[in-house]
Amino acid sequence: MTSKPEYVDLLNDIRLQEARAGVYLEAWANKTDNKDLKECLSFVAAREYSHGDIFDRRVKELGFDTQEIEDPEFDEKVRVVSSDISDAEKIAWLKESRLRQPTPSVRERYEAAMEDDLVDPLTRSLIRWFTDVENDSVVLMGKVYSEIEKAG
């Protein structure tokens, strides 16, 4: 490719979001005493790290370099999930933090990219697969979160 398509920035944003999610979910998994939550967080964290790597590779396959962009809330997420507050409080905090996400969110942007003919077919296919896996992770985490919220 000669000129950088607009969606390359989206792929980089997904890469960053996923790699960072792997970090804070792993940190939380290492802190919790809840066996089911630890198992779920560890599983999803591994997925997130993998997604970060996959999107890093896709940006490079398209002939571009990835960019580091600071996330002003990342350190706070790691601090919260590594803290001694209850898992129910961590879940509530993370849900509340999602409300502060810029709009359109990365998720809204990649859902739109799946249908955008300006995005190359292989990348659209990758984003469709990624969306399916993300949806599965949301279901898995939602089940465990629900049990914790009921108990908490």
N, C-alpha and C. Protein backbone atom coordinates (compact mmCIF):
# COMPACT_ATOMS: atom_id res chain seq x y z
N MET A 1 0.84 -1.17 0.00
CA MET A 1 0.00 0.00 0.00
C MET A 1 0.89 1.24 0.00
N THR A 2 0.46 2.26 -0.70
CA THR A 2 1.26 3.46 -0.78
C THR A 2 0.81 4.53 0.21
N SER A 3 -0.48 4.76 0.32
CA SER A 3 -0.96 5.74 1.31
C SER A 3 -1.65 5.00 2.44
N LYS A 4 -1.56 5.56 3.61
CA LYS A 4 -2.08 4.90 4.80
C LYS A 4 -3.60 5.00 4.85
N PRO A 5 -4.29 3.86 4.78
CA PRO A 5 -5.75 3.89 4.92
C PRO A 5 -6.13 4.33 6.34
N GLU A 6 -7.25 4.99 6.44
CA GLU A 6 -7.72 5.50 7.73
C GLU A 6 -7.87 4.39 8.77
N TYR A 7 -8.27 3.20 8.33
CA TYR A 7 -8.54 2.12 9.28
C TYR A 7 -7.29 1.55 9.93
N VAL A 8 -6.10 1.88 9.44
CA VAL A 8 -4.88 1.41 10.09
C VAL A 8 -4.79 1.97 11.51
N ASP A 9 -5.24 3.20 11.70
CA ASP A 9 -5.25 3.77 13.05
C ASP A 9 -6.20 2.99 13.95
N LEU A 10 -7.32 2.54 13.42
CA LEU A 10 -8.25 1.71 14.19
C LEU A 10 -7.58 0.41 14.60
N LEU A 11 -6.88 -0.24 13.68
CA LEU A 11 -6.19 -1.49 14.00
C LEU A 11 -5.17 -1.27 15.11
N ASN A 12 -4.47 -0.14 15.06
CA ASN A 12 -3.51 0.19 16.11
C ASN A 12 -4.23 0.41 17.44
N ASP A 13 -5.37 1.08 17.40
CA ASP A 13 -6.14 1.30 18.63
C ASP A 13 -6.62 -0.02 19.23
N ILE A 14 -7.06 -0.94 18.38
CA ILE A 14 -7.47 -2.26 18.87
C ILE A 14 -6.27 -2.96 19.50
N ARG A 15 -5.14 -2.91 18.83
CA ARG A 15 -3.91 -3.53 19.34
C ARG A 15 -3.59 -3.03 20.74
N LEU A 16 -3.63 -1.73 20.91
CA LEU A 16 -3.30 -1.14 22.21
C LEU A 16 -4.33 -1.53 23.28
N GLN A 17 -5.59 -1.43 22.92
CA GLN A 17 -6.66 -1.75 23.88
C GLN A 17 -6.57 -3.20 24.34
N GLU A 18 -6.32 -4.10 23.42
CA GLU A 18 -6.27 -5.52 23.75
C GLU A 18 -5.04 -5.86 24.59
N ALA A 19 -3.89 -5.36 24.21
CA ALA A 19 -2.68 -5.65 24.97
C ALA A 19 -2.80 -5.10 26.39
N ARG A 20 -3.36 -3.91 26.53
CA ARG A 20 -3.54 -3.33 27.86
C ARG A 20 -4.56 -4.10 28.67
N ALA A 21 -5.62 -4.57 28.03
CA ALA A 21 -6.61 -5.38 28.75
C ALA A 21 -5.96 -6.66 29.25
N GLY A 22 -5.08 -7.25 28.46
CA GLY A 22 -4.36 -8.43 28.93
C GLY A 22 -3.60 -8.16 30.21
N VAL A 23 -2.96 -7.00 30.28
CA VAL A 23 -2.17 -6.64 31.46
C VAL A 23 -3.05 -6.51 32.69
N TYR A 24 -4.14 -5.72 32.59
CA TYR A 24 -4.91 -5.50 33.81
C TYR A 24 -5.77 -6.70 34.19
N LEU A 25 -6.21 -7.48 33.21
CA LEU A 25 -6.96 -8.70 33.56
C LEU A 25 -6.04 -9.73 34.22
N GLU A 26 -4.82 -9.84 33.73
CA GLU A 26 -3.85 -10.75 34.35
C GLU A 26 -3.51 -10.29 35.76
N ALA A 27 -3.35 -8.99 35.95
CA ALA A 27 -3.06 -8.45 37.28
C ALA A 27 -4.19 -8.78 38.24
N TRP A 28 -5.43 -8.65 37.77
CA TRP A 28 -6.59 -8.97 38.61
C TRP A 28 -6.64 -10.47 38.90
N ALA A 29 -6.39 -11.28 37.89
CA ALA A 29 -6.39 -12.74 38.09
C ALA A 29 -5.37 -13.14 39.15
N ASN A 30 -4.25 -12.46 39.15
CA ASN A 30 -3.20 -12.76 40.13
C ASN A 30 -3.57 -12.29 41.54
N LYS A 31 -4.54 -11.40 41.66
CA LYS A 31 -4.91 -10.84 42.96
C LYS A 31 -6.12 -11.55 43.59
N THR A 32 -7.06 -11.98 42.76
CA THR A 32 -8.31 -12.52 43.31
C THR A 32 -8.13 -13.89 43.96
N ASP A 33 -8.97 -14.14 44.97
CA ASP A 33 -9.01 -15.46 45.60
C ASP A 33 -10.17 -16.30 45.06
N ASN A 34 -11.01 -15.69 44.20
CA ASN A 34 -12.16 -16.38 43.64
C ASN A 34 -11.67 -17.27 42.49
N LYS A 35 -11.78 -18.59 42.69
CA LYS A 35 -11.26 -19.55 41.71
C LYS A 35 -11.88 -19.37 40.32
N ASP A 36 -13.20 -19.22 40.26
CA ASP A 36 -13.87 -19.08 38.96
C ASP A 36 -13.46 -17.78 38.27
N LEU A 37 -13.36 -16.70 39.03
CA LEU A 37 -12.95 -15.43 38.45
C LEU A 37 -11.51 -15.51 37.97
N LYS A 38 -10.63 -16.09 38.79
CA LYS A 38 -9.22 -16.22 38.41
C LYS A 38 -9.09 -16.98 37.09
N GLU A 39 -9.82 -18.09 36.97
CA GLU A 39 -9.78 -18.90 35.76
C GLU A 39 -10.28 -18.11 34.55
N CYS A 40 -11.39 -17.43 34.72
CA CYS A 40 -11.98 -16.66 33.62
C CYS A 40 -11.06 -15.51 33.21
N LEU A 41 -10.58 -14.75 34.18
CA LEU A 41 -9.71 -13.61 33.87
C LEU A 41 -8.42 -14.06 33.20
N SER A 42 -7.85 -15.16 33.66
CA SER A 42 -6.62 -15.67 33.05
C SER A 42 -6.85 -16.08 31.59
N PHE A 43 -7.97 -16.75 31.36
CA PHE A 43 -8.33 -17.17 30.00
C PHE A 43 -8.52 -15.96 29.08
N VAL A 44 -9.30 -14.99 29.54
CA VAL A 44 -9.58 -13.81 28.71
C VAL A 44 -8.32 -12.96 28.55
N ALA A 45 -7.50 -12.84 29.59
CA ALA A 45 -6.26 -12.09 29.47
C ALA A 45 -5.36 -12.68 28.37
N ALA A 46 -5.27 -14.00 28.33
CA ALA A 46 -4.47 -14.65 27.28
C ALA A 46 -5.02 -14.31 25.90
N ARG A 47 -6.34 -14.30 25.78
CA ARG A 47 -6.96 -13.91 24.50
C ARG A 47 -6.59 -12.47 24.15
N GLU A 48 -6.66 -11.60 25.14
CA GLU A 48 -6.40 -10.18 24.87
C GLU A 48 -4.96 -9.97 24.41
N TYR A 49 -4.02 -10.62 25.09
CA TYR A 49 -2.62 -10.51 24.65
C TYR A 49 -2.48 -10.99 23.21
N SER A 50 -3.12 -12.10 22.90
CA SER A 50 -3.06 -12.66 21.56
C SER A 50 -3.64 -11.69 20.53
N HIS A 51 -4.76 -11.08 20.87
CA HIS A 51 -5.38 -10.11 19.95
C HIS A 51 -4.44 -8.93 19.72
N GLY A 52 -3.79 -8.47 20.77
CA GLY A 52 -2.82 -7.38 20.60
C GLY A 52 -1.75 -7.75 19.60
N ASP A 53 -1.23 -8.99 19.73
CA ASP A 53 -0.20 -9.47 18.80
C ASP A 53 -0.73 -9.59 17.38
N ILE A 54 -1.94 -10.09 17.23
CA ILE A 54 -2.52 -10.28 15.90
C ILE A 54 -2.72 -8.94 15.20
N PHE A 55 -3.22 -7.94 15.92
CA PHE A 55 -3.44 -6.65 15.29
C PHE A 55 -2.13 -5.91 15.05
N ASP A 56 -1.13 -6.15 15.88
CA ASP A 56 0.21 -5.61 15.64
C ASP A 56 0.73 -6.16 14.31
N ARG A 57 0.58 -7.47 14.15
CA ARG A 57 1.05 -8.12 12.92
C ARG A 57 0.28 -7.61 11.70
N ARG A 58 -1.04 -7.41 11.83
CA ARG A 58 -1.83 -6.97 10.67
C ARG A 58 -1.42 -5.58 10.23
N VAL A 59 -1.19 -4.69 11.18
CA VAL A 59 -0.72 -3.34 10.81
C VAL A 59 0.59 -3.46 10.02
N LYS A 60 1.48 -4.29 10.49
CA LYS A 60 2.78 -4.46 9.82
C LYS A 60 2.62 -5.15 8.46
N GLU A 61 1.70 -6.11 8.36
CA GLU A 61 1.44 -6.76 7.06
C GLU A 61 0.95 -5.75 6.03
N LEU A 62 0.24 -4.74 6.51
CA LEU A 62 -0.26 -3.70 5.59
C LEU A 62 0.84 -2.69 5.24
N GLY A 63 2.02 -2.84 5.86
CA GLY A 63 3.17 -2.00 5.51
C GLY A 63 3.34 -0.77 6.38
N PHE A 64 2.77 -0.78 7.58
CA PHE A 64 2.84 0.40 8.44
C PHE A 64 3.41 0.04 9.80
N ASP A 65 3.85 1.05 10.51
CA ASP A 65 4.36 0.87 11.86
C ASP A 65 3.25 1.11 12.86
N THR A 66 3.32 0.39 13.97
CA THR A 66 2.37 0.65 15.05
C THR A 66 2.83 1.89 15.81
N GLN A 67 1.88 2.50 16.48
CA GLN A 67 2.15 3.72 17.23
C GLN A 67 1.75 3.52 18.68
N GLU A 68 2.56 4.03 19.57
CA GLU A 68 2.21 4.00 20.99
C GLU A 68 1.41 5.26 21.30
N ILE A 69 0.27 5.08 21.91
CA ILE A 69 -0.60 6.18 22.30
C ILE A 69 -0.93 5.97 23.78
N GLU A 70 -0.69 6.98 24.57
CA GLU A 70 -0.91 6.86 26.01
C GLU A 70 -2.39 6.74 26.32
N ASP A 71 -2.69 5.89 27.29
CA ASP A 71 -4.05 5.76 27.82
C ASP A 71 -4.00 6.33 29.23
N PRO A 72 -4.61 7.49 29.45
CA PRO A 72 -4.50 8.13 30.76
C PRO A 72 -5.17 7.34 31.88
N GLU A 73 -6.03 6.37 31.57
CA GLU A 73 -6.72 5.59 32.59
C GLU A 73 -6.07 4.22 32.85
N PHE A 74 -5.09 3.85 32.04
CA PHE A 74 -4.52 2.51 32.15
C PHE A 74 -3.90 2.24 33.53
N ASP A 75 -3.03 3.13 33.99
CA ASP A 75 -2.39 2.91 35.29
C ASP A 75 -3.41 2.81 36.41
N GLU A 76 -4.48 3.60 36.32
CA GLU A 76 -5.53 3.56 37.33
C GLU A 76 -6.26 2.21 37.30
N LYS A 77 -6.50 1.67 36.11
CA LYS A 77 -7.15 0.36 36.01
C LYS A 77 -6.30 -0.71 36.68
N VAL A 78 -5.00 -0.70 36.40
CA VAL A 78 -4.11 -1.68 37.00
C VAL A 78 -4.09 -1.49 38.52
N ARG A 79 -4.05 -0.25 38.97
CA ARG A 79 -4.04 0.02 40.40
C ARG A 79 -5.31 -0.51 41.07
N VAL A 80 -6.47 -0.25 40.46
CA VAL A 80 -7.74 -0.68 41.04
C VAL A 80 -7.82 -2.20 41.10
N VAL A 81 -7.53 -2.88 39.99
CA VAL A 81 -7.70 -4.34 39.99
C VAL A 81 -6.64 -5.04 40.82
N SER A 82 -5.55 -4.36 41.13
CA SER A 82 -4.50 -4.93 41.98
C SER A 82 -4.69 -4.56 43.45
N SER A 83 -5.70 -3.77 43.72
CA SER A 83 -5.92 -3.29 45.08
C SER A 83 -6.63 -4.34 45.94
N ASP A 84 -6.85 -3.99 47.18
CA ASP A 84 -7.50 -4.90 48.12
C ASP A 84 -9.01 -4.73 48.19
N ILE A 85 -9.60 -3.89 47.33
CA ILE A 85 -11.06 -3.78 47.34
C ILE A 85 -11.65 -5.09 46.83
N SER A 86 -12.91 -5.32 47.11
CA SER A 86 -13.54 -6.58 46.72
C SER A 86 -13.65 -6.72 45.20
N ASP A 87 -13.80 -7.95 44.75
CA ASP A 87 -13.99 -8.19 43.32
C ASP A 87 -15.27 -7.52 42.84
N ALA A 88 -16.32 -7.51 43.66
CA ALA A 88 -17.57 -6.83 43.27
C ALA A 88 -17.33 -5.34 43.07
N GLU A 89 -16.51 -4.74 43.93
CA GLU A 89 -16.20 -3.31 43.77
C GLU A 89 -15.36 -3.07 42.51
N LYS A 90 -14.48 -3.98 42.20
CA LYS A 90 -13.67 -3.85 40.98
C LYS A 90 -14.56 -3.94 39.74
N ILE A 91 -15.50 -4.86 39.76
CA ILE A 91 -16.44 -4.99 38.63
C ILE A 91 -17.23 -3.71 38.47
N ALA A 92 -17.74 -3.17 39.54
CA ALA A 92 -18.52 -1.92 39.49
C ALA A 92 -17.65 -0.78 38.97
N TRP A 93 -16.42 -0.70 39.43
CA TRP A 93 -15.52 0.37 39.00
C TRP A 93 -15.24 0.27 37.50
N LEU A 94 -14.97 -0.96 37.02
CA LEU A 94 -14.69 -1.13 35.60
C LEU A 94 -15.91 -0.81 34.74
N LYS A 95 -17.08 -1.21 35.19
CA LYS A 95 -18.30 -0.88 34.44
C LYS A 95 -18.48 0.63 34.37
N GLU A 96 -18.23 1.32 35.47
CA GLU A 96 -18.36 2.77 35.50
C GLU A 96 -17.31 3.43 34.60
N SER A 97 -16.12 2.87 34.56
CA SER A 97 -15.06 3.46 33.75
C SER A 97 -15.38 3.37 32.26
N ARG A 98 -16.15 2.35 31.86
CA ARG A 98 -16.54 2.22 30.44
C ARG A 98 -17.40 3.39 30.00
N LEU A 99 -18.13 3.96 30.93
CA LEU A 99 -18.99 5.10 30.60
C LEU A 99 -18.17 6.33 30.24
N ARG A 100 -16.91 6.35 30.64
CA ARG A 100 -16.03 7.50 30.35
C ARG A 100 -15.29 7.34 29.03
N GLN A 101 -15.51 6.24 28.32
CA GLN A 101 -14.82 6.02 27.05
C GLN A 101 -15.22 7.08 26.03
N PRO A 102 -14.26 7.48 25.21
CA PRO A 102 -14.61 8.45 24.15
C PRO A 102 -15.58 7.83 23.16
N THR A 103 -16.34 8.67 22.51
CA THR A 103 -17.26 8.18 21.48
C THR A 103 -16.81 8.70 20.13
N PRO A 104 -16.93 7.92 19.08
CA PRO A 104 -17.35 6.52 19.15
C PRO A 104 -16.26 5.68 19.80
N SER A 105 -16.68 4.63 20.48
CA SER A 105 -15.74 3.74 21.15
C SER A 105 -14.98 2.92 20.10
N VAL A 106 -13.90 2.31 20.53
CA VAL A 106 -13.16 1.43 19.62
C VAL A 106 -14.09 0.34 19.10
N ARG A 107 -14.93 -0.21 19.98
CA ARG A 107 -15.87 -1.26 19.56
C ARG A 107 -16.82 -0.74 18.48
N GLU A 108 -17.38 0.44 18.66
CA GLU A 108 -18.28 1.00 17.65
C GLU A 108 -17.53 1.21 16.33
N ARG A 109 -16.29 1.62 16.41
CA ARG A 109 -15.49 1.84 15.21
C ARG A 109 -15.19 0.53 14.48
N TYR A 110 -14.84 -0.53 15.24
CA TYR A 110 -14.53 -1.77 14.52
C TYR A 110 -15.78 -2.46 14.02
N GLU A 111 -16.89 -2.29 14.70
CA GLU A 111 -18.14 -2.84 14.17
C GLU A 111 -18.51 -2.17 12.85
N ALA A 112 -18.28 -0.87 12.75
CA ALA A 112 -18.53 -0.16 11.50
C ALA A 112 -17.56 -0.60 10.41
N ALA A 113 -16.31 -0.87 10.79
CA ALA A 113 -15.29 -1.26 9.81
C ALA A 113 -15.61 -2.61 9.17
N MET A 114 -16.32 -3.49 9.89
CA MET A 114 -16.67 -4.80 9.32
C MET A 114 -17.52 -4.64 8.06
N GLU A 115 -18.27 -3.56 7.99
CA GLU A 115 -19.19 -3.34 6.87
C GLU A 115 -18.65 -2.33 5.86
N ASP A 116 -17.46 -1.79 6.10
CA ASP A 116 -16.90 -0.71 5.27
C ASP A 116 -16.11 -1.31 4.11
N ASP A 117 -16.57 -1.06 2.89
CA ASP A 117 -15.89 -1.59 1.71
C ASP A 117 -14.51 -0.97 1.48
N LEU A 118 -14.19 0.12 2.18
CA LEU A 118 -12.86 0.71 2.07
C LEU A 118 -11.83 -0.08 2.87
N VAL A 119 -12.30 -0.94 3.76
CA VAL A 119 -11.41 -1.81 4.52
C VAL A 119 -11.18 -3.06 3.68
N ASP A 120 -9.92 -3.46 3.55
CA ASP A 120 -9.63 -4.62 2.70
C ASP A 120 -10.31 -5.87 3.25
N PRO A 121 -10.64 -6.80 2.35
CA PRO A 121 -11.40 -7.99 2.75
C PRO A 121 -10.76 -8.83 3.85
N LEU A 122 -9.46 -9.00 3.84
CA LEU A 122 -8.80 -9.80 4.87
C LEU A 122 -8.93 -9.13 6.24
N THR A 123 -8.78 -7.82 6.28
CA THR A 123 -8.91 -7.10 7.55
C THR A 123 -10.35 -7.15 8.04
N ARG A 124 -11.32 -7.02 7.15
CA ARG A 124 -12.73 -7.14 7.57
C ARG A 124 -13.00 -8.52 8.15
N SER A 125 -12.44 -9.55 7.52
CA SER A 125 -12.60 -10.90 8.03
C SER A 125 -11.97 -11.05 9.41
N LEU A 126 -10.79 -10.48 9.59
CA LEU A 126 -10.12 -10.50 10.88
C LEU A 126 -10.97 -9.80 11.94
N ILE A 127 -11.54 -8.67 11.60
CA ILE A 127 -12.36 -7.92 12.55
C ILE A 127 -13.64 -8.68 12.89
N ARG A 128 -14.23 -9.37 11.91
CA ARG A 128 -15.41 -10.19 12.20
C ARG A 128 -15.07 -11.31 13.18
N TRP A 129 -13.96 -12.00 12.94
CA TRP A 129 -13.51 -13.06 13.85
C TRP A 129 -13.26 -12.48 15.24
N PHE A 130 -12.54 -11.39 15.28
CA PHE A 130 -12.22 -10.73 16.55
C PHE A 130 -13.49 -10.35 17.31
N THR A 131 -14.49 -9.83 16.61
CA THR A 131 -15.75 -9.45 17.24
C THR A 131 -16.43 -10.66 17.85
N ASP A 132 -16.43 -11.78 17.15
CA ASP A 132 -17.02 -13.01 17.68
C ASP A 132 -16.31 -13.46 18.95
N VAL A 133 -15.00 -13.40 18.96
CA VAL A 133 -14.23 -13.81 20.13
C VAL A 133 -14.47 -12.84 21.29
N GLU A 134 -14.50 -11.56 21.00
CA GLU A 134 -14.78 -10.56 22.04
C GLU A 134 -16.16 -10.79 22.65
N ASN A 135 -17.14 -11.07 21.79
CA ASN A 135 -18.49 -11.34 22.30
C ASN A 135 -18.50 -12.56 23.21
N ASP A 136 -17.75 -13.59 22.84
CA ASP A 136 -17.66 -14.77 23.67
C ASP A 136 -17.02 -14.44 25.02
N SER A 137 -15.98 -13.63 25.01
CA SER A 137 -15.33 -13.23 26.26
C SER A 137 -16.29 -12.44 27.14
N VAL A 138 -17.08 -11.57 26.54
CA VAL A 138 -18.06 -10.79 27.30
C VAL A 138 -19.06 -11.72 27.98
N VAL A 139 -19.51 -12.75 27.27
CA VAL A 139 -20.46 -13.71 27.86
C VAL A 139 -19.81 -14.46 29.01
N LEU A 140 -18.59 -14.95 28.80
CA LEU A 140 -17.89 -15.69 29.85
C LEU A 140 -17.70 -14.83 31.10
N MET A 141 -17.22 -13.62 30.91
CA MET A 141 -16.97 -12.73 32.04
C MET A 141 -18.29 -12.31 32.68
N GLY A 142 -19.31 -12.10 31.87
CA GLY A 142 -20.61 -11.69 32.40
C GLY A 142 -21.19 -12.72 33.35
N LYS A 143 -21.02 -14.00 33.03
CA LYS A 143 -21.52 -15.06 33.90
C LYS A 143 -20.82 -15.03 35.26
N VAL A 144 -19.51 -14.91 35.24
CA VAL A 144 -18.75 -14.89 36.49
C VAL A 144 -19.04 -13.61 37.26
N TYR A 145 -19.06 -12.48 36.56
CA TYR A 145 -19.36 -11.21 37.22
C TYR A 145 -20.73 -11.26 37.89
N SER A 146 -21.69 -11.84 37.21
CA SER A 146 -23.05 -11.92 37.74
C SER A 146 -23.09 -12.67 39.06
N GLU A 147 -22.38 -13.78 39.12
CA GLU A 147 -22.32 -14.57 40.35
C GLU A 147 -21.69 -13.77 41.49
N ILE A 148 -20.65 -13.03 41.17
CA ILE A 148 -19.97 -12.22 42.20
C ILE A 148 -20.88 -11.08 42.66
N GLU A 149 -21.56 -10.45 41.71
CA GLU A 149 -22.46 -9.35 42.07
C GLU A 149 -23.63 -9.84 42.93
N LYS A 150 -24.14 -11.03 42.64
CA LYS A 150 -25.22 -11.60 43.45
C LYS A 150 -24.75 -11.86 44.87
N ALA A 151 -23.54 -12.38 44.99
CA ALA A 151 -23.00 -12.73 46.31
C ALA A 151 -22.55 -11.50 47.10
N GLY A 152 -22.15 -10.44 46.35
CA GLY A 152 -21.57 -9.27 46.98
C GLY A 152 -22.55 -8.31 47.52
